[in-house]
Amino acid sequence: MRSTRSSPPSATRWHSARQHSPAERTRRPGGSSVAAVQQKPRRRVLRRVLWSVVIVLVLAVGGILVWSQVGVMAAEPEPLAAVRENPAITVTDAEEGIVLEPADGSSDRGLVFIPGAKVDPWAYASILQGIAEEGTTVVITRPWLHLAFFDPRGLGSFTSAAPDVDTWAVGGHSLGGVRACQLATDADALVLFASYCATDLAGTDLPVLSVSGSEDGLSTPEKIADARSELPADAEFVEIDGASHASFGDYGPQSGDGTPTIDDEEMHAEITEVVGGFLEQIAP
């Protein structure tokens, strides 16, 4: 009678374990596991996402840089030439900005002036020269990308152009005025040209002068009035009859603006009288 022999129980268990080992089931030829293989596509996807983000950021920054240089309103050459030839003031193209000073060097007050969006800073030299003639040092800033909102520099970055001046007002035209409002608490006074604040200064004792134009089609008289509550109760408001938005600089007509009925000579004289008188009051 033929007998049959069965495998020892221990050998059977070992053989079964070898057949069903998870490591063996997930092992691929060449020693790589399924988990390792699955990680490779994930890494590729992650790299693609990161590169896509980088490309989008580069394109966005590049687009802003290009846009900021397109449509910049240049200073008119004739008024600027007259400023450079004015014997009553000195004009310095400094690191802090364009500096206008009385020719005799005597100045106890200063005005940091921030240009409007996409306006050449030199376009304000002519309208502000009369203030410099009367004893105020004027520093016209150069906003980054021609847009004041992209310029994070504080007031001290500009007042350093005239370290001997102790009393400083800050001002600006249009968007530059909005930025000036943000810096106003570091200054002794605020001067707005065809602009209004988005910063609440109503609870301060800051001297404020707001100069606007009756024909302004952008910072309209209605917009100026609506933002009145952002300023101190004793803020001074002067509306120049016949002045448009572009009357506050020498850069030509501006899209969306009204039609001015005041000429440049009259406008400059008005600014010198109104702003010059205001700045004299804040000086000690």
C-alpha atoms as a PDB file:
ATOM      1  CA  MET A   1       0.000   0.000   0.000  1.00  0.00           C
ATOM      2  CA  ARG A   2       1.438   3.334  -1.106  1.00  0.00           C
ATOM      3  CA  SER A   3       1.553   5.929   1.575  1.00  0.00           C
ATOM      4  CA  THR A   4       1.362   9.666   1.008  1.00  0.00           C
ATOM      5  CA  ARG A   5       3.430  12.175   2.924  1.00  0.00           C
ATOM      6  CA  SER A   6       2.123  15.603   3.752  1.00  0.00           C
ATOM      7  CA  SER A   7       4.325  18.658   4.181  1.00  0.00           C
ATOM      8  CA  PRO A   8       5.063  19.749   7.665  1.00  0.00           C
ATOM      9  CA  PRO A   9       2.636  22.432   8.905  1.00  0.00           C
ATOM     10  CA  SER A  10       5.426  24.970   9.382  1.00  0.00           C
ATOM     11  CA  ALA A  11       6.570  24.634   5.785  1.00  0.00           C
ATOM     12  CA  THR A  12       3.021  25.082   4.536  1.00  0.00           C
ATOM     13  CA  ARG A  13       2.589  28.302   6.516  1.00  0.00           C
ATOM     14  CA  TRP A  14       5.908  29.674   5.230  1.00  0.00           C
ATOM     15  CA  HIS A  15       4.999  28.865   1.644  1.00  0.00           C
ATOM     16  CA  SER A  16       1.624  30.588   2.060  1.00  0.00           C
ATOM     17  CA  ALA A  17       3.239  33.675   3.543  1.00  0.00           C
ATOM     18  CA  ARG A  18       5.633  33.870   0.614  1.00  0.00           C
ATOM     19  CA  GLN A  19       2.728  33.746  -1.818  1.00  0.00           C
ATOM     20  CA  HIS A  20       0.717  36.500  -0.169  1.00  0.00           C
ATOM     21  CA  SER A  21       3.430  38.871   1.121  1.00  0.00           C
ATOM     22  CA  PRO A  22       2.332  42.551   0.540  1.00  0.00           C
ATOM     23  CA  ALA A  23       5.925  43.449  -0.221  1.00  0.00           C
ATOM     24  CA  GLU A  24       6.051  40.815  -2.945  1.00  0.00           C
ATOM     25  CA  ARG A  25       2.705  41.901  -4.374  1.00  0.00           C
ATOM     26  CA  THR A  26       3.811  45.577  -4.681  1.00  0.00           C
ATOM     27  CA  ARG A  27       7.329  44.846  -5.844  1.00  0.00           C
ATOM     28  CA  ARG A  28       8.082  45.539  -9.511  1.00  0.00           C
ATOM     29  CA  PRO A  29      10.945  44.220 -11.637  1.00  0.00           C
ATOM     30  CA  GLY A  30      14.132  46.114 -10.935  1.00  0.00           C
ATOM     31  CA  GLY A  31      13.303  46.486  -7.220  1.00  0.00           C
ATOM     32  CA  SER A  32      10.913  49.482  -7.399  1.00  0.00           C
ATOM     33  CA  SER A  33       7.623  49.413  -5.530  1.00  0.00           C
ATOM     34  CA  VAL A  34       4.212  50.557  -6.799  1.00  0.00           C
ATOM     35  CA  ALA A  35       4.174  53.413  -4.230  1.00  0.00           C
ATOM     36  CA  ALA A  36       7.485  54.747  -5.528  1.00  0.00           C
ATOM     37  CA  VAL A  37       6.271  54.560  -9.101  1.00  0.00           C
ATOM     38  CA  GLN A  38       3.068  56.395  -8.181  1.00  0.00           C
ATOM     39  CA  GLN A  39       5.040  59.258  -6.580  1.00  0.00           C
ATOM     40  CA  LYS A  40       6.785  60.149  -9.844  1.00  0.00           C
ATOM     41  CA  PRO A  41       3.672  61.436 -11.665  1.00  0.00           C
ATOM     42  CA  ARG A  42       2.724  63.439  -8.558  1.00  0.00           C
ATOM     43  CA  ARG A  43       6.103  65.142  -8.539  1.00  0.00           C
ATOM     44  CA  ARG A  44       5.750  65.969 -12.208  1.00  0.00           C
ATOM     45  CA  VAL A  45       2.335  67.520 -11.585  1.00  0.00           C
ATOM     46  CA  LEU A  46       3.695  69.551  -8.660  1.00  0.00           C
ATOM     47  CA  ARG A  47       6.590  70.834 -10.757  1.00  0.00           C
ATOM     48  CA  ARG A  48       4.208  71.837 -13.536  1.00  0.00           C
ATOM     49  CA  VAL A  49       1.959  73.698 -11.081  1.00  0.00           C
ATOM     50  CA  LEU A  50       4.931  75.560  -9.571  1.00  0.00           C
ATOM     51  CA  TRP A  51       6.262  76.531 -12.974  1.00  0.00           C
ATOM     52  CA  SER A  52       2.794  77.709 -14.013  1.00  0.00           C
ATOM     53  CA  VAL A  53       2.588  79.932 -10.922  1.00  0.00           C
ATOM     54  CA  VAL A  54       6.045  81.371 -11.622  1.00  0.00           C
ATOM     55  CA  ILE A  55       5.154  82.094 -15.252  1.00  0.00           C
ATOM     56  CA  VAL A  56       1.886  83.801 -14.243  1.00  0.00           C
ATOM     57  CA  LEU A  57       3.716  85.978 -11.698  1.00  0.00           C
ATOM     58  CA  VAL A  58       6.404  86.945 -14.196  1.00  0.00           C
ATOM     59  CA  LEU A  59       3.799  87.843 -16.814  1.00  0.00           C
ATOM     60  CA  ALA A  60       1.773  89.839 -14.264  1.00  0.00           C
ATOM     61  CA  VAL A  61       4.785  91.833 -13.063  1.00  0.00           C
ATOM     62  CA  GLY A  62       5.957  92.362 -16.635  1.00  0.00           C
ATOM     63  CA  GLY A  63       2.485  93.518 -17.640  1.00  0.00           C
ATOM     64  CA  ILE A  64       2.359  96.057 -14.804  1.00  0.00           C
ATOM     65  CA  LEU A  65       5.812  97.370 -15.720  1.00  0.00           C
ATOM     66  CA  VAL A  66       4.850  97.806 -19.367  1.00  0.00           C
ATOM     67  CA  TRP A  67       1.455  99.341 -18.525  1.00  0.00           C
ATOM     68  CA  SER A  68       3.028 101.815 -16.099  1.00  0.00           C
ATOM     69  CA  GLN A  69       5.231 103.186 -18.877  1.00  0.00           C
ATOM     70  CA  VAL A  70       2.499 103.428 -21.499  1.00  0.00           C
ATOM     71  CA  GLY A  71       0.555 106.671 -21.667  1.00  0.00           C
ATOM     72  CA  VAL A  72       2.719 108.663 -19.242  1.00  0.00           C
ATOM     73  CA  MET A  73       1.808 112.339 -19.674  1.00  0.00           C
ATOM     74  CA  ALA A  74       5.004 114.250 -20.379  1.00  0.00           C
ATOM     75  CA  ALA A  75       5.841 117.732 -19.134  1.00  0.00           C
ATOM     76  CA  GLU A  76       5.262 120.459 -21.685  1.00  0.00           C
ATOM     77  CA  PRO A  77       8.654 121.765 -22.832  1.00  0.00           C
ATOM     78  CA  GLU A  78       8.076 125.535 -22.768  1.00  0.00           C
ATOM     79  CA  PRO A  79       6.925 125.880 -19.124  1.00  0.00           C
ATOM     80  CA  LEU A  80       9.719 123.536 -18.037  1.00  0.00           C
ATOM     81  CA  ALA A  81      12.335 125.557 -19.910  1.00  0.00           C
ATOM     82  CA  ALA A  82      11.125 128.700 -18.143  1.00  0.00           C
ATOM     83  CA  VAL A  83      11.595 126.999 -14.777  1.00  0.00           C
ATOM     84  CA  ARG A  84      15.161 125.998 -15.580  1.00  0.00           C
ATOM     85  CA  GLU A  85      15.937 129.582 -16.592  1.00  0.00           C
ATOM     86  CA  ASN A  86      14.277 131.179 -13.545  1.00  0.00           C
ATOM     87  CA  PRO A  87      17.034 133.088 -11.675  1.00  0.00           C
ATOM     88  CA  ALA A  88      14.928 133.332  -8.500  1.00  0.00           C
ATOM     89  CA  ILE A  89      15.142 129.601  -7.761  1.00  0.00           C
ATOM     90  CA  THR A  90      17.574 126.722  -7.970  1.00  0.00           C
ATOM     91  CA  VAL A  91      16.471 123.446  -9.533  1.00  0.00           C
ATOM     92  CA  THR A  92      18.177 120.214  -8.499  1.00  0.00           C
ATOM     93  CA  ASP A  93      17.513 116.774  -9.936  1.00  0.00           C
ATOM     94  CA  ALA A  94      18.260 114.923  -6.677  1.00  0.00           C
ATOM     95  CA  GLU A  95      17.906 111.319  -5.581  1.00  0.00           C
ATOM     96  CA  GLU A  96      14.928 112.251  -3.385  1.00  0.00           C
ATOM     97  CA  GLY A  97      13.151 114.029  -6.233  1.00  0.00           C
ATOM     98  CA  ILE A  98      13.094 117.339  -8.099  1.00  0.00           C
ATOM     99  CA  VAL A  99      14.062 120.043  -5.617  1.00  0.00           C
ATOM    100  CA  LEU A 100      13.044 123.696  -6.093  1.00  0.00           C
ATOM    101  CA  GLU A 101      14.604 126.160  -3.647  1.00  0.00           C
ATOM    102  CA  PRO A 102      14.853 129.928  -3.284  1.00  0.00           C
ATOM    103  CA  ALA A 103      18.037 131.085  -5.011  1.00  0.00           C
ATOM    104  CA  ASP A 104      19.299 132.763  -1.842  1.00  0.00           C
ATOM    105  CA  GLY A 105      19.003 129.457   0.039  1.00  0.00           C
ATOM    106  CA  SER A 106      16.786 130.858   2.816  1.00  0.00           C
ATOM    107  CA  SER A 107      13.881 128.500   3.516  1.00  0.00           C
ATOM    108  CA  ASP A 108      12.208 127.605   6.804  1.00  0.00           C
ATOM    109  CA  ARG A 109       9.408 125.465   5.369  1.00  0.00           C
ATOM    110  CA  GLY A 110       9.045 122.713   2.805  1.00  0.00           C
ATOM    111  CA  LEU A 111       6.460 120.938   0.676  1.00  0.00           C
ATOM    112  CA  VAL A 112       6.774 117.321  -0.443  1.00  0.00           C
ATOM    113  CA  PHE A 113       4.580 117.079  -3.527  1.00  0.00           C
ATOM    114  CA  ILE A 114       3.408 113.764  -5.031  1.00  0.00           C
ATOM    115  CA  PRO A 115       2.443 113.730  -8.727  1.00  0.00           C
ATOM    116  CA  GLY A 116      -0.771 112.311 -10.131  1.00  0.00           C
ATOM    117  CA  ALA A 117      -0.942 108.893 -11.778  1.00  0.00           C
ATOM    118  CA  LYS A 118       1.148 108.562 -14.929  1.00  0.00           C
ATOM    119  CA  VAL A 119       2.175 112.208 -14.926  1.00  0.00           C
ATOM    120  CA  ASP A 120       5.805 113.213 -15.426  1.00  0.00           C
ATOM    121  CA  PRO A 121       6.975 114.811 -12.142  1.00  0.00           C
ATOM    122  CA  TRP A 122       8.584 117.659 -14.112  1.00  0.00           C
ATOM    123  CA  ALA A 123       5.075 118.689 -15.199  1.00  0.00           C
ATOM    124  CA  TYR A 124       4.554 120.249 -11.742  1.00  0.00           C
ATOM    125  CA  ALA A 125       7.752 122.307 -11.652  1.00  0.00           C
ATOM    126  CA  SER A 126       6.210 125.334 -13.352  1.00  0.00           C
ATOM    127  CA  ILE A 127       3.075 125.580 -11.219  1.00  0.00           C
ATOM    128  CA  LEU A 128       5.105 125.173  -8.004  1.00  0.00           C
ATOM    129  CA  GLN A 129       7.995 127.509  -8.854  1.00  0.00           C
ATOM    130  CA  GLY A 130       6.156 130.573  -7.504  1.00  0.00           C
ATOM    131  CA  ILE A 131       5.908 128.878  -4.093  1.00  0.00           C
ATOM    132  CA  ALA A 132       9.676 128.288  -4.144  1.00  0.00           C
ATOM    133  CA  GLU A 133      10.269 131.910  -5.117  1.00  0.00           C
ATOM    134  CA  GLU A 134       8.407 132.976  -1.957  1.00  0.00           C
ATOM    135  CA  GLY A 135      10.602 130.909   0.356  1.00  0.00           C
ATOM    136  CA  THR A 136       9.329 127.324   0.363  1.00  0.00           C
ATOM    137  CA  THR A 137      11.555 124.370  -0.525  1.00  0.00           C
ATOM    138  CA  VAL A 138       9.587 122.062  -2.823  1.00  0.00           C
ATOM    139  CA  VAL A 139      10.451 118.390  -3.349  1.00  0.00           C
ATOM    140  CA  ILE A 140       8.512 116.781  -6.212  1.00  0.00           C
ATOM    141  CA  THR A 141       8.691 113.019  -5.791  1.00  0.00           C
ATOM    142  CA  ARG A 142       9.099 110.368  -8.471  1.00  0.00           C
ATOM    143  CA  PRO A 143       6.546 107.666  -7.597  1.00  0.00           C
ATOM    144  CA  TRP A 144       7.547 104.123  -8.450  1.00  0.00           C
ATOM    145  CA  LEU A 145       6.008 103.017 -11.756  1.00  0.00           C
ATOM    146  CA  HIS A 146       4.498 106.528 -12.045  1.00  0.00           C
ATOM    147  CA  LEU A 147       1.804 105.434  -9.565  1.00  0.00           C
ATOM    148  CA  ALA A 148       1.860 106.755  -5.999  1.00  0.00           C
ATOM    149  CA  PHE A 149       0.152 103.651  -4.585  1.00  0.00           C
ATOM    150  CA  PHE A 150       3.134 101.506  -5.576  1.00  0.00           C
ATOM    151  CA  ASP A 151       5.548 103.766  -3.701  1.00  0.00           C
ATOM    152  CA  PRO A 152       5.937 102.601  -0.072  1.00  0.00           C
ATOM    153  CA  ARG A 153       8.523 105.229   0.904  1.00  0.00           C
ATOM    154  CA  GLY A 154       7.794 107.372   3.926  1.00  0.00           C
ATOM    155  CA  LEU A 155       7.959 111.153   4.196  1.00  0.00           C
ATOM    156  CA  GLY A 156      11.520 111.078   5.508  1.00  0.00           C
ATOM    157  CA  SER A 157      12.745 109.634   2.228  1.00  0.00           C
ATOM    158  CA  PHE A 158      11.953 112.999   0.616  1.00  0.00           C
ATOM    159  CA  THR A 159      12.497 115.570   3.372  1.00  0.00           C
ATOM    160  CA  SER A 160      16.114 114.393   3.562  1.00  0.00           C
ATOM    161  CA  ALA A 161      16.669 116.475   0.407  1.00  0.00           C
ATOM    162  CA  ALA A 162      16.578 119.585   2.625  1.00  0.00           C
ATOM    163  CA  PRO A 163      17.741 118.605   6.137  1.00  0.00           C
ATOM    164  CA  ASP A 164      17.790 122.220   7.365  1.00  0.00           C
ATOM    165  CA  VAL A 165      14.031 122.615   6.873  1.00  0.00           C
ATOM    166  CA  ASP A 166      12.076 121.765  10.028  1.00  0.00           C
ATOM    167  CA  THR A 167       8.460 122.390   8.995  1.00  0.00           C
ATOM    168  CA  TRP A 168       7.082 120.171   6.242  1.00  0.00           C
ATOM    169  CA  ALA A 169       3.758 119.946   4.468  1.00  0.00           C
ATOM    170  CA  VAL A 170       2.883 117.031   2.221  1.00  0.00           C
ATOM    171  CA  GLY A 171       0.659 117.374  -0.793  1.00  0.00           C
ATOM    172  CA  GLY A 172      -0.221 115.957  -4.148  1.00  0.00           C
ATOM    173  CA  HIS A 173      -2.322 116.096  -7.248  1.00  0.00           C
ATOM    174  CA  SER A 174      -5.132 113.616  -7.898  1.00  0.00           C
ATOM    175  CA  LEU A 175      -3.903 110.112  -6.940  1.00  0.00           C
ATOM    176  CA  GLY A 176      -0.804 111.753  -5.509  1.00  0.00           C
ATOM    177  CA  GLY A 177      -3.063 113.622  -3.109  1.00  0.00           C
ATOM    178  CA  VAL A 178      -4.639 110.368  -1.957  1.00  0.00           C
ATOM    179  CA  ARG A 179      -1.164 109.078  -1.153  1.00  0.00           C
ATOM    180  CA  ALA A 180      -0.323 112.374   0.577  1.00  0.00           C
ATOM    181  CA  CYS A 181      -3.273 111.805   2.904  1.00  0.00           C
ATOM    182  CA  GLN A 182      -1.685 108.512   3.969  1.00  0.00           C
ATOM    183  CA  LEU A 183       1.547 110.313   4.886  1.00  0.00           C
ATOM    184  CA  ALA A 184      -0.129 113.361   6.409  1.00  0.00           C
ATOM    185  CA  THR A 185       0.146 112.331  10.062  1.00  0.00           C
ATOM    186  CA  ASP A 186       3.940 112.510   9.710  1.00  0.00           C
ATOM    187  CA  ALA A 187       3.758 116.073   8.330  1.00  0.00           C
ATOM    188  CA  ASP A 188       2.868 119.494   9.714  1.00  0.00           C
ATOM    189  CA  ALA A 189       0.184 120.193   7.096  1.00  0.00           C
ATOM    190  CA  LEU A 190      -1.604 118.730   4.067  1.00  0.00           C
ATOM    191  CA  VAL A 191      -2.157 120.335   0.659  1.00  0.00           C
ATOM    192  CA  LEU A 192      -4.478 118.739  -1.901  1.00  0.00           C
ATOM    193  CA  PHE A 193      -4.611 119.629  -5.591  1.00  0.00           C
ATOM    194  CA  ALA A 194      -7.809 118.347  -7.269  1.00  0.00           C
ATOM    195  CA  SER A 195      -7.884 115.426  -4.846  1.00  0.00           C
ATOM    196  CA  TYR A 196      -9.518 114.052  -1.732  1.00  0.00           C
ATOM    197  CA  CYS A 197      -8.670 111.660   1.076  1.00  0.00           C
ATOM    198  CA  ALA A 198      -9.548 108.010   1.486  1.00  0.00           C
ATOM    199  CA  THR A 199      -7.841 108.177   4.890  1.00  0.00           C
ATOM    200  CA  ASP A 200      -9.787 109.438   7.895  1.00  0.00           C
ATOM    201  CA  LEU A 201      -8.072 112.575   9.197  1.00  0.00           C
ATOM    202  CA  ALA A 202     -11.195 114.113  10.726  1.00  0.00           C
ATOM    203  CA  GLY A 203     -10.030 113.543  14.299  1.00  0.00           C
ATOM    204  CA  THR A 204      -6.652 115.241  13.804  1.00  0.00           C
ATOM    205  CA  ASP A 205      -5.663 118.880  14.305  1.00  0.00           C
ATOM    206  CA  LEU A 206      -3.733 118.883  11.018  1.00  0.00           C
ATOM    207  CA  PRO A 207      -3.917 122.110   8.972  1.00  0.00           C
ATOM    208  CA  VAL A 208      -5.397 121.164   5.574  1.00  0.00           C
ATOM    209  CA  LEU A 209      -5.784 123.098   2.341  1.00  0.00           C
ATOM    210  CA  SER A 210      -7.862 121.599  -0.459  1.00  0.00           C
ATOM    211  CA  VAL A 211      -7.601 123.380  -3.819  1.00  0.00           C
ATOM    212  CA  SER A 212      -9.933 122.248  -6.601  1.00  0.00           C
ATOM    213  CA  GLY A 213     -11.268 123.429  -9.951  1.00  0.00           C
ATOM    214  CA  SER A 214     -14.792 124.305 -10.997  1.00  0.00           C
ATOM    215  CA  GLU A 215     -14.315 122.602 -14.388  1.00  0.00           C
ATOM    216  CA  ASP A 216     -12.650 119.421 -13.139  1.00  0.00           C
ATOM    217  CA  GLY A 217     -14.190 116.419 -14.867  1.00  0.00           C
ATOM    218  CA  LEU A 218     -12.319 113.821 -12.783  1.00  0.00           C
ATOM    219  CA  SER A 219     -12.092 115.056  -9.183  1.00  0.00           C
ATOM    220  CA  THR A 220     -15.406 116.824  -9.599  1.00  0.00           C
ATOM    221  CA  PRO A 221     -16.729 119.395  -7.102  1.00  0.00           C
ATOM    222  CA  GLU A 222     -19.282 116.758  -6.038  1.00  0.00           C
ATOM    223  CA  LYS A 223     -16.569 114.193  -5.245  1.00  0.00           C
ATOM    224  CA  ILE A 224     -14.599 116.791  -3.288  1.00  0.00           C
ATOM    225  CA  ALA A 225     -17.721 117.622  -1.260  1.00  0.00           C
ATOM    226  CA  ASP A 226     -18.579 113.961  -0.636  1.00  0.00           C
ATOM    227  CA  ALA A 227     -15.138 113.305   0.883  1.00  0.00           C
ATOM    228  CA  ARG A 228     -15.270 116.398   3.093  1.00  0.00           C
ATOM    229  CA  SER A 229     -16.003 114.304   6.182  1.00  0.00           C
ATOM    230  CA  GLU A 230     -12.546 112.680   6.005  1.00  0.00           C
ATOM    231  CA  LEU A 231     -10.856 115.986   6.848  1.00  0.00           C
ATOM    232  CA  PRO A 232     -10.717 118.111  10.013  1.00  0.00           C
ATOM    233  CA  ALA A 233     -13.617 120.480  10.564  1.00  0.00           C
ATOM    234  CA  ASP A 234     -11.434 123.550  10.040  1.00  0.00           C
ATOM    235  CA  ALA A 235      -9.946 122.373   6.729  1.00  0.00           C
ATOM    236  CA  GLU A 236      -9.748 125.178   4.165  1.00  0.00           C
ATOM    237  CA  PHE A 237     -11.383 124.671   0.759  1.00  0.00           C
ATOM    238  CA  VAL A 238     -10.619 126.833  -2.263  1.00  0.00           C
ATOM    239  CA  GLU A 239     -12.255 126.240  -5.644  1.00  0.00           C
ATOM    240  CA  ILE A 240     -10.513 128.002  -8.524  1.00  0.00           C
ATOM    241  CA  ASP A 241     -13.040 129.213 -11.051  1.00  0.00           C
ATOM    242  CA  GLY A 242     -12.367 127.860 -14.537  1.00  0.00           C
ATOM    243  CA  ALA A 243      -9.728 125.303 -13.496  1.00  0.00           C
ATOM    244  CA  SER A 244      -9.866 121.741 -14.804  1.00  0.00           C
ATOM    245  CA  HIS A 245      -8.072 118.633 -13.517  1.00  0.00           C
ATOM    246  CA  ALA A 246      -5.118 119.150 -15.854  1.00  0.00           C
ATOM    247  CA  SER A 247      -4.862 122.835 -14.892  1.00  0.00           C
ATOM    248  CA  PHE A 248      -2.874 121.718 -11.830  1.00  0.00           C
ATOM    249  CA  GLY A 249       0.073 120.610 -13.977  1.00  0.00           C
ATOM    250  CA  ASP A 250       1.660 121.367 -17.318  1.00  0.00           C
ATOM    251  CA  TYR A 251       1.144 118.117 -19.223  1.00  0.00           C
ATOM    252  CA  GLY A 252      -1.624 118.950 -21.679  1.00  0.00           C
ATOM    253  CA  PRO A 253      -5.279 117.864 -21.809  1.00  0.00           C
ATOM    254  CA  GLN A 254      -6.430 114.725 -20.027  1.00  0.00           C
ATOM    255  CA  SER A 255      -9.080 112.205 -21.046  1.00  0.00           C
ATOM    256  CA  GLY A 256     -12.368 112.628 -19.185  1.00  0.00           C
ATOM    257  CA  ASP A 257     -11.495 116.091 -17.927  1.00  0.00           C
ATOM    258  CA  GLY A 258     -13.513 119.267 -18.318  1.00  0.00           C
ATOM    259  CA  THR A 259     -12.549 122.250 -20.441  1.00  0.00           C
ATOM    260  CA  PRO A 260     -10.604 124.914 -18.558  1.00  0.00           C
ATOM    261  CA  THR A 261     -11.555 128.564 -18.908  1.00  0.00           C
ATOM    262  CA  ILE A 262      -8.512 129.866 -17.028  1.00  0.00           C
ATOM    263  CA  ASP A 263      -5.116 130.260 -18.682  1.00  0.00           C
ATOM    264  CA  ASP A 264      -1.872 128.876 -17.276  1.00  0.00           C
ATOM    265  CA  GLU A 265      -0.529 132.234 -16.116  1.00  0.00           C
ATOM    266  CA  GLU A 266      -3.649 132.986 -14.087  1.00  0.00           C
ATOM    267  CA  MET A 267      -3.717 129.459 -12.701  1.00  0.00           C
ATOM    268  CA  HIS A 268      -0.109 129.611 -11.561  1.00  0.00           C
ATOM    269  CA  ALA A 269      -0.692 132.985  -9.902  1.00  0.00           C
ATOM    270  CA  GLU A 270      -3.709 131.593  -8.030  1.00  0.00           C
ATOM    271  CA  ILE A 271      -1.731 128.608  -6.753  1.00  0.00           C
ATOM    272  CA  THR A 272       1.179 130.777  -5.642  1.00  0.00           C
ATOM    273  CA  GLU A 273      -1.122 133.104  -3.719  1.00  0.00           C
ATOM    274  CA  VAL A 274      -3.357 130.478  -2.093  1.00  0.00           C
ATOM    275  CA  VAL A 275      -0.801 127.769  -1.340  1.00  0.00           C
ATOM    276  CA  GLY A 276       2.044 130.165  -0.562  1.00  0.00           C
ATOM    277  CA  GLY A 277      -0.095 132.014   1.977  1.00  0.00           C
ATOM    278  CA  PHE A 278      -1.200 128.757   3.603  1.00  0.00           C
ATOM    279  CA  LEU A 279       2.380 127.473   3.953  1.00  0.00           C
ATOM    280  CA  GLU A 280       3.523 130.751   5.495  1.00  0.00           C
ATOM    281  CA  GLN A 281       0.938 130.254   8.242  1.00  0.00           C
ATOM    282  CA  ILE A 282       2.241 126.829   9.289  1.00  0.00           C
ATOM    283  CA  ALA A 283       5.880 127.917   9.559  1.00  0.00           C
ATOM    284  CA  PRO A 284       6.952 128.753  13.133  1.00  0.00           C
END
